[in-house]
């Protein structure tokens, strides 16, 4: 009897597989089918710092359990790193059973919440059919945009699409989600990753300082969760019900004491050391009456290289948020190679003009910088110390020996 039952389960599984491989759009969900949002808390790795969101379709009578996630990419893609840096790496919709993914999130100690939605049978079917159509090989890839089109924005857009005007968002919650910029929302999740916080703030430009609407804030999974929790749904009979029928925690992360990063591992300490070293060396140069142009070549050469990276992120990528970056004012691309040209012996008459112009750019960069914390300010001050010294530099007169007769 046990063998016969196993055989029947195997046949049922094969038939179900054939059904989905041959005619996905024709599969009819049962009246008891559930559609839910799965919200995964942020993880320790940088790529998981902002959490994850998926759409689950669960139909118990048929054994259907499909989790749709839009955050998958292929490490084997041609020119992977070039495409990743340029913002052209294609992301895609992936499908897997929920509990296969849940095991991995448990291993990463990430809280997982499920919001079961109060959708009508027709709405569930339309959502499921649309997801299956989206999962076809020719439809599943898309151009990922960190703020505008990612694994968190796509699931709620699907829900909004199939619900139409019957979906009503809570004005008070929307007002709460409309008080921060893209950058400020991002920084809420990067407090424990100081170098990532510094680097990402340095890389994004003025578009990141746009104050989001409630809809735009849903580029983060937790914001989607909160906005959907407060939403309501107008049913055909005129009754208004909560969009989220009920919520359950599938896994609760254990409390772990997180270690404070050592002092040397934070940007503020790193740039403070640079500022102190540059100030000390400049003082020594003043005492000895030398220009110390080697130090300037090092500092401004590195600044120029960093500026070229920011410039290329602006003009040669498709991220959408790296344009109009004020950091280019102090990480000025033309320092590389200008600093090497202007410090040649035959060109040093231009040094005063060069550093005066750059002093103005440094002041503007300091004024308009959006990088949180004092790290960038310390490096700007270090550069300004060198610029001021070169503008005010006067060689000490050589001491001539006097011969007494």
Protein backbone atom coordinates (compact mmCIF):
# COMPACT_ATOMS: atom_id res chain seq x y z
CA UNK A 1 0.00 0.00 0.00
CA UNK A 2 2.84 2.40 0.85
CA UNK A 3 4.46 1.65 -2.52
CA UNK A 4 1.18 2.32 -4.33
CA UNK A 5 0.71 5.67 -2.54
CA UNK A 6 4.26 6.72 -3.46
CA UNK A 7 3.61 5.77 -7.07
CA UNK A 8 0.40 7.84 -7.14
CA UNK A 9 2.23 10.86 -5.67
CA UNK A 10 4.94 10.50 -8.30
CA UNK A 11 2.38 10.36 -11.12
CA UNK A 12 0.55 13.38 -9.69
CA UNK A 13 3.81 15.33 -9.53
CA UNK A 14 4.70 14.46 -13.12
CA UNK A 15 1.25 15.49 -14.33
CA UNK A 16 1.50 18.76 -12.45
CA UNK A 17 4.93 19.40 -13.98
CA UNK A 18 3.64 18.68 -17.48
CA UNK A 19 0.70 20.99 -16.88
CA UNK A 20 2.97 23.91 -16.05
CA UNK A 21 5.52 23.22 -18.75
CA UNK A 22 2.90 23.01 -21.46
CA UNK A 23 0.13 25.44 -20.64
CA UNK A 24 0.86 27.65 -17.69
CA UNK A 25 -1.73 30.29 -18.53
CA UNK A 26 -4.49 27.65 -18.63
CA UNK A 27 -3.97 26.45 -15.07
CA UNK A 28 -6.91 27.44 -12.88
CA UNK A 29 -6.29 28.25 -9.25
CA UNK A 30 -8.71 26.76 -6.75
CA UNK A 31 -10.98 29.06 -4.69
CA UNK A 32 -8.75 28.43 -1.66
CA UNK A 33 -5.55 29.58 -3.38
CA UNK A 34 -3.54 32.24 -1.55
CA UNK A 35 -1.43 35.09 -2.89
CA UNK A 36 1.00 36.68 -0.46
CA UNK A 37 3.91 39.09 -0.21
CA UNK A 38 7.08 37.65 1.31
CA UNK A 39 9.29 40.27 2.98
CA UNK A 40 12.83 39.25 3.94
CA UNK A 41 14.83 41.37 6.37
CA UNK A 42 18.24 42.78 5.40
CA UNK A 43 21.24 40.47 5.60
CA UNK A 44 24.90 40.88 6.45
CA UNK A 45 26.24 40.86 2.90
CA UNK A 46 26.22 44.11 0.93
CA UNK A 47 23.96 42.72 -1.81
CA UNK A 48 21.36 41.80 0.84
CA UNK A 49 21.63 45.03 2.87
CA UNK A 50 18.22 46.29 1.79
CA UNK A 51 16.20 43.08 2.16
CA UNK A 52 14.21 41.16 -0.41
CA UNK A 53 10.61 40.91 -1.57
CA UNK A 54 8.78 38.15 -3.38
CA UNK A 55 5.27 37.16 -4.46
CA UNK A 56 4.02 33.74 -3.40
CA UNK A 57 1.17 31.82 -5.01
CA UNK A 58 0.10 28.87 -2.85
CA UNK A 59 -2.65 26.46 -3.90
CA UNK A 60 -2.77 23.62 -1.38
CA UNK A 61 -5.22 21.26 -3.18
CA UNK A 62 -2.86 20.93 -6.17
CA UNK A 63 0.38 21.25 -4.19
CA UNK A 64 1.29 24.42 -6.07
CA UNK A 65 3.76 26.62 -4.18
CA UNK A 66 5.60 29.16 -6.33
CA UNK A 67 7.67 32.08 -5.04
CA UNK A 68 8.36 34.72 -7.69
CA UNK A 69 11.43 36.88 -7.10
CA UNK A 70 12.86 39.62 -9.32
CA UNK A 71 16.32 39.80 -7.74
CA UNK A 72 18.20 37.10 -9.67
CA UNK A 73 21.21 37.64 -11.93
CA UNK A 74 23.67 35.33 -13.63
CA UNK A 75 27.34 35.46 -12.57
CA UNK A 76 28.15 33.62 -15.81
CA UNK A 77 26.86 36.43 -18.03
CA UNK A 78 29.32 37.71 -20.64
CA UNK A 79 31.33 40.70 -19.37
CA UNK A 80 29.60 40.37 -15.99
CA UNK A 81 31.63 42.97 -14.10
CA UNK A 82 31.54 45.50 -16.93
CA UNK A 83 27.77 45.18 -17.19
CA UNK A 84 27.38 45.34 -13.40
CA UNK A 85 29.41 48.55 -13.13
CA UNK A 86 27.64 50.14 -16.10
CA UNK A 87 24.19 49.25 -14.77
CA UNK A 88 23.33 47.11 -17.79
CA UNK A 89 23.48 43.69 -16.12
CA UNK A 90 20.15 41.98 -16.85
CA UNK A 91 18.21 40.82 -13.81
CA UNK A 92 15.46 38.27 -14.13
CA UNK A 93 12.39 36.79 -12.55
CA UNK A 94 13.04 33.46 -10.87
CA UNK A 95 10.59 30.91 -9.49
CA UNK A 96 11.13 28.38 -6.72
CA UNK A 97 9.21 26.74 -3.86
CA UNK A 98 9.04 29.03 -0.84
CA UNK A 99 10.61 26.60 1.60
CA UNK A 100 13.66 26.08 -0.60
CA UNK A 101 14.39 29.80 -0.27
CA UNK A 102 13.30 29.96 3.37
CA UNK A 103 16.03 27.54 4.39
CA UNK A 104 18.69 29.85 2.98
CA UNK A 105 17.23 32.89 4.76
CA UNK A 106 17.18 30.97 8.03
CA UNK A 107 20.86 30.14 7.58
CA UNK A 108 21.49 33.88 7.12
CA UNK A 109 19.41 34.64 10.23
CA UNK A 110 16.99 36.95 8.40
CA UNK A 111 13.42 37.47 9.58
CA UNK A 112 10.81 36.43 7.00
CA UNK A 113 7.23 37.76 7.08
CA UNK A 114 4.27 36.73 4.95
CA UNK A 115 1.31 39.01 4.17
CA UNK A 116 -1.61 37.01 2.79
CA UNK A 117 -3.61 39.28 0.50
CA UNK A 118 -7.38 39.73 0.47
CA UNK A 119 -7.70 39.31 -3.30
CA UNK A 120 -10.75 37.95 -5.09
CA UNK A 121 -10.44 34.66 -7.02
CA UNK A 122 -10.45 36.60 -10.30
CA UNK A 123 -7.68 38.92 -9.10
CA UNK A 124 -5.59 35.99 -7.93
CA UNK A 125 -5.98 34.30 -11.28
CA UNK A 126 -5.02 37.43 -13.23
CA UNK A 127 -1.99 37.95 -11.02
CA UNK A 128 -0.91 34.33 -11.39
CA UNK A 129 -1.40 34.35 -15.17
CA UNK A 130 0.59 37.56 -15.46
CA UNK A 131 3.46 36.17 -13.40
CA UNK A 132 3.57 32.99 -15.46
CA UNK A 133 3.61 35.04 -18.66
CA UNK A 134 6.41 37.16 -17.20
CA UNK A 135 8.36 33.99 -16.35
CA UNK A 136 8.60 32.87 -19.97
CA UNK A 137 12.26 32.93 -21.11
CA UNK A 138 11.64 35.74 -23.56
CA UNK A 139 9.98 37.91 -20.86
CA UNK A 140 11.79 37.23 -17.60
CA UNK A 141 14.81 39.55 -17.90
CA UNK A 142 14.70 43.29 -17.22
CA UNK A 143 17.03 46.27 -16.77
CA UNK A 144 17.60 46.60 -13.04
CA UNK A 145 17.60 50.12 -11.57
CA UNK A 146 18.50 50.38 -7.87
CA UNK A 147 16.01 53.12 -6.98
CA UNK A 148 13.46 52.75 -9.76
CA UNK A 149 13.03 49.16 -10.89
CA UNK A 150 14.18 46.32 -8.64
CA UNK A 151 13.05 43.22 -6.76
CA UNK A 152 10.94 45.35 -4.39
CA UNK A 153 9.22 47.63 -6.91
CA UNK A 154 7.93 44.94 -9.26
CA UNK A 155 5.71 42.83 -6.94
CA UNK A 156 3.60 45.78 -5.65
CA UNK A 157 3.31 47.10 -9.20
CA UNK A 158 1.80 43.75 -10.18
CA UNK A 159 -0.70 44.00 -7.33
CA UNK A 160 -1.61 47.59 -8.19
CA UNK A 161 -2.07 46.61 -11.82
CA UNK A 162 -4.56 43.81 -11.16
CA UNK A 163 -6.46 45.68 -8.42
CA UNK A 164 -6.83 48.96 -10.26
CA UNK A 165 -8.96 51.64 -8.60
CA UNK A 166 -10.23 49.21 -5.99
CA UNK A 167 -6.89 49.47 -4.16
CA UNK A 168 -6.78 52.42 -1.75
CA UNK A 169 -3.67 53.50 0.12
CA UNK A 170 -3.75 55.09 3.56
CA UNK A 171 -3.06 58.88 3.34
CA UNK A 172 -1.43 59.00 6.79
CA UNK A 173 0.95 56.17 5.94
CA UNK A 174 1.69 57.72 2.55
CA UNK A 175 2.56 61.01 4.23
CA UNK A 176 4.91 59.15 6.56
CA UNK A 177 6.68 57.55 3.61
CA UNK A 178 7.06 60.87 1.77
CA UNK A 179 9.52 62.61 4.10
CA UNK A 180 12.89 61.23 3.00
CA UNK A 181 15.04 61.29 -0.09
CA UNK A 182 16.26 58.20 -1.89
CA UNK A 183 19.65 58.80 -0.28
CA UNK A 184 18.22 59.09 3.24
CA UNK A 185 16.24 55.88 2.87
CA UNK A 186 19.38 54.14 1.59
CA UNK A 187 21.48 55.38 4.50
CA UNK A 188 18.99 53.94 7.00
CA UNK A 189 20.21 50.50 5.92
CA UNK A 190 23.95 51.18 5.71
CA UNK A 191 24.73 52.35 9.23
CA UNK A 192 26.61 49.15 10.09
CA UNK A 193 28.58 49.15 6.83
CA UNK A 194 30.57 52.40 7.06
CA UNK A 195 32.71 51.93 3.96
CA UNK A 196 29.72 50.86 1.85
CA UNK A 197 27.83 53.88 3.14
CA UNK A 198 30.70 56.20 2.27
CA UNK A 199 31.26 54.68 -1.18
CA UNK A 200 27.62 54.56 -2.24
CA UNK A 201 26.98 58.13 -1.10
CA UNK A 202 30.07 59.23 -2.98
CA UNK A 203 28.90 57.51 -6.16
CA UNK A 204 25.32 58.79 -6.36
CA UNK A 205 24.50 62.30 -7.52
CA UNK A 206 21.70 64.82 -7.31
CA UNK A 207 18.90 62.41 -8.38
CA UNK A 208 19.44 60.54 -5.09
CA UNK A 209 18.41 63.67 -3.17
CA UNK A 210 14.91 63.68 -4.61
CA UNK A 211 12.37 63.37 -1.78
CA UNK A 212 10.35 60.30 -2.59
CA UNK A 213 6.62 59.94 -2.88
CA UNK A 214 5.10 57.00 -1.02
CA UNK A 215 5.12 55.01 -4.26
CA UNK A 216 8.78 55.84 -4.93
CA UNK A 217 9.75 54.82 -1.40
CA UNK A 218 8.68 51.28 -2.27
CA UNK A 219 12.08 50.57 -3.75
CA UNK A 220 12.76 49.14 -0.28
CA UNK A 221 10.98 45.91 0.80
CA UNK A 222 10.15 47.15 4.30
CA UNK A 223 8.42 50.21 2.85
CA UNK A 224 6.35 47.96 0.59
CA UNK A 225 5.38 45.88 3.61
CA UNK A 226 4.32 48.93 5.63
CA UNK A 227 2.38 50.61 2.83
CA UNK A 228 0.53 47.43 1.89
CA UNK A 229 -0.31 46.76 5.56
CA UNK A 230 -2.20 50.04 5.71
CA UNK A 231 -3.96 49.70 2.33
CA UNK A 232 -7.58 48.69 1.76
CA UNK A 233 -9.47 47.04 -1.05
CA UNK A 234 -12.92 48.03 -2.31
CA UNK A 235 -14.91 44.91 -3.17
CA UNK A 236 -17.61 44.70 -5.89
CA UNK A 237 -20.36 44.70 -3.22
CA UNK A 238 -19.11 48.08 -1.97
CA UNK A 239 -17.52 46.69 1.18
CA UNK A 240 -14.01 47.89 2.07
CA UNK A 241 -11.62 45.31 3.48
CA UNK A 242 -7.92 45.43 4.41
CA UNK A 243 -5.62 44.48 1.55
CA UNK A 244 -3.69 42.22 3.94
CA UNK A 245 -6.04 39.56 5.28
CA UNK A 246 -3.50 38.35 7.81
CA UNK A 247 0.22 38.32 8.46
CA UNK A 248 2.48 35.65 9.85
CA UNK A 249 6.15 35.39 10.68
CA UNK A 250 7.69 32.43 8.88
CA UNK A 251 11.03 32.84 10.61
CA UNK A 252 12.12 35.16 13.41
CA UNK A 253 15.80 36.05 13.40
CA UNK A 254 17.72 35.36 16.59
CA UNK A 255 19.15 38.31 18.47
CA UNK A 256 22.86 38.47 17.82
CA UNK A 257 25.25 40.90 19.47
CA UNK A 258 26.90 42.71 16.58
CA UNK A 259 30.50 43.68 16.96
CA UNK A 260 31.44 47.32 16.59
CA UNK A 261 33.91 47.71 13.71
CA UNK A 262 37.43 48.54 14.86
CA UNK A 263 38.49 52.17 14.71
CA UNK A 264 40.87 51.61 11.80
CA UNK A 265 38.04 50.08 9.73
CA UNK A 266 35.92 53.22 9.46
CA UNK A 267 36.37 55.98 6.85
CA UNK A 268 36.50 58.79 9.43
CA UNK A 269 39.62 57.35 11.07
CA UNK A 270 41.28 56.62 7.73
CA UNK A 271 40.82 60.18 6.45
CA UNK A 272 41.72 61.69 9.82
CA UNK A 273 45.09 59.94 9.57
CA UNK A 274 45.51 61.35 6.06
CA UNK A 275 44.64 64.86 7.25
CA UNK A 276 47.11 64.68 10.15
CA UNK A 277 49.86 63.27 7.93
CA UNK A 278 49.34 65.89 5.21
CA UNK A 279 49.27 68.70 7.77
CA UNK A 280 52.47 67.47 9.41
CA UNK A 281 54.30 67.04 6.10
CA UNK A 282 53.17 70.48 4.95
CA UNK A 283 54.49 72.01 8.16
CA UNK A 284 57.83 70.27 7.60
CA UNK A 285 57.90 71.60 4.04
CA UNK A 286 57.26 75.09 5.38
CA UNK A 287 60.08 74.76 7.89
CA UNK A 288 62.55 73.57 5.29
CA UNK A 289 61.35 75.95 2.57
CA UNK A 290 60.51 73.30 -0.05
CA UNK A 291 57.40 72.90 -2.16
CA UNK A 292 57.00 69.17 -1.62
CA UNK A 293 55.43 68.63 -5.03
CA UNK A 294 55.76 64.85 -4.73
CA UNK A 295 53.06 64.88 -2.08
CA UNK A 296 50.81 66.96 -4.34
CA UNK A 297 51.32 64.59 -7.25
CA UNK A 298 50.26 61.70 -5.03
CA UNK A 299 47.20 63.38 -3.47
CA UNK A 300 45.88 65.15 -6.54
CA UNK A 301 46.72 62.26 -8.86
CA UNK A 302 44.61 59.92 -6.73
CA UNK A 303 41.85 62.55 -6.56
CA UNK A 304 41.87 62.85 -10.35
CA UNK A 305 41.60 59.08 -10.84
CA UNK A 306 38.69 58.93 -8.40
CA UNK A 307 37.11 61.84 -10.27
CA UNK A 308 37.34 60.00 -13.58
CA UNK A 309 35.52 57.05 -12.01
CA UNK A 310 32.72 59.36 -10.85
CA UNK A 311 32.62 61.02 -14.27
CA UNK A 312 32.31 57.67 -16.03
CA UNK A 313 29.58 56.63 -13.62
CA UNK A 314 27.79 59.81 -14.71
CA UNK A 315 28.16 59.62 -18.51
CA UNK A 316 28.92 55.98 -19.30
CA UNK A 317 26.49 54.05 -17.11
CA UNK A 318 22.76 53.49 -17.01
CA UNK A 319 22.12 53.56 -13.25
CA UNK A 320 20.00 56.71 -13.42
CA UNK A 321 21.25 58.10 -10.08
CA UNK A 322 24.95 58.81 -10.65
CA UNK A 323 24.50 62.01 -12.70
CA UNK A 324 25.21 65.57 -11.49
CA UNK A 325 27.52 64.43 -8.74
CA UNK A 326 28.88 67.36 -6.66
CA UNK A 327 31.82 65.21 -5.50
CA UNK A 328 33.39 65.87 -8.91
CA UNK A 329 34.07 69.41 -7.70
CA UNK A 330 36.69 68.19 -5.24
CA UNK A 331 37.57 64.90 -6.90
CA UNK A 332 38.28 66.83 -10.08
CA UNK A 333 39.01 64.46 -13.00
CA UNK A 334 41.46 66.78 -14.77
CA UNK A 335 43.87 66.61 -11.84
CA UNK A 336 44.97 63.49 -13.66
CA UNK A 337 47.08 64.37 -15.64
CA UNK A 338 47.18 68.17 -15.03
CA UNK A 339 48.94 67.87 -11.66
CA UNK A 340 51.87 66.15 -13.41
CA UNK A 341 52.03 68.83 -16.10
CA UNK A 342 51.84 71.84 -13.80
CA UNK A 343 54.52 70.51 -11.43
CA UNK A 344 57.15 70.20 -14.15
CA UNK A 345 59.99 72.69 -13.60
CA UNK A 346 59.21 74.60 -16.82
CA UNK A 347 55.50 74.94 -15.92
CA UNK A 348 55.67 75.81 -12.22
CA UNK A 349 54.86 79.46 -12.93
CA UNK A 350 51.24 78.25 -13.31
CA UNK A 351 51.12 76.60 -9.90
CA UNK A 352 49.55 79.60 -8.13
CA UNK A 353 46.75 79.92 -10.68
CA UNK A 354 46.16 76.17 -10.69
CA UNK A 355 45.75 75.91 -6.93
CA UNK A 356 43.70 79.12 -6.63
CA UNK A 357 41.15 77.76 -9.10
CA UNK A 358 41.10 74.44 -7.35
CA UNK A 359 40.69 76.17 -3.96
CA UNK A 360 37.40 77.59 -5.24
CA UNK A 361 36.28 74.14 -6.44
CA UNK A 362 37.20 72.67 -3.07
CA UNK A 363 35.06 75.23 -1.26
CA UNK A 364 32.10 74.51 -3.55
CA UNK A 365 32.59 70.77 -3.15
CA UNK A 366 32.64 71.11 0.63
CA UNK A 367 29.48 73.23 0.50
CA UNK A 368 27.46 70.91 -1.73
CA UNK A 369 28.72 67.53 -0.51
CA UNK A 370 25.97 65.10 0.43
CA UNK A 371 28.18 62.36 1.87
CA UNK A 372 27.11 61.87 5.52
CA UNK A 373 29.74 62.17 8.20
CA UNK A 374 33.04 64.08 8.24
CA UNK A 375 35.15 61.64 6.20
CA UNK A 376 34.96 63.48 2.88
CA UNK A 377 35.34 66.82 4.65
CA UNK A 378 38.64 65.69 6.17
CA UNK A 379 40.02 64.79 2.75
CA UNK A 380 38.81 68.09 1.28
CA UNK A 381 40.58 69.96 4.09
CA UNK A 382 43.76 67.96 3.46
CA UNK A 383 43.66 68.96 -0.21
CA UNK A 384 42.95 72.56 0.76
CA UNK A 385 45.98 72.60 3.08
CA UNK A 386 48.17 71.68 0.13
CA UNK A 387 46.49 74.17 -2.22
CA UNK A 388 46.83 77.00 0.32
CA UNK A 389 50.46 76.14 0.97
CA UNK A 390 51.34 76.17 -2.74
CA UNK A 391 49.54 79.49 -3.33
CA UNK A 392 51.35 81.14 -0.39
CA UNK A 393 54.68 79.44 -0.95
CA UNK A 394 57.75 81.63 -0.97
CA UNK A 395 61.16 80.00 -1.17
CA UNK A 396 63.49 80.93 1.63
CA UNK A 397 66.44 83.02 0.48
CA UNK A 398 69.62 81.08 0.31
CA UNK A 399 72.18 81.98 3.04
CA UNK A 400 75.27 83.30 1.39
CA UNK A 401 78.59 82.85 3.14
CA UNK A 402 80.54 86.07 3.90
CA UNK A 403 84.34 85.93 3.72
CA UNK A 404 86.15 88.07 6.25
CA UNK A 405 89.40 89.48 5.20
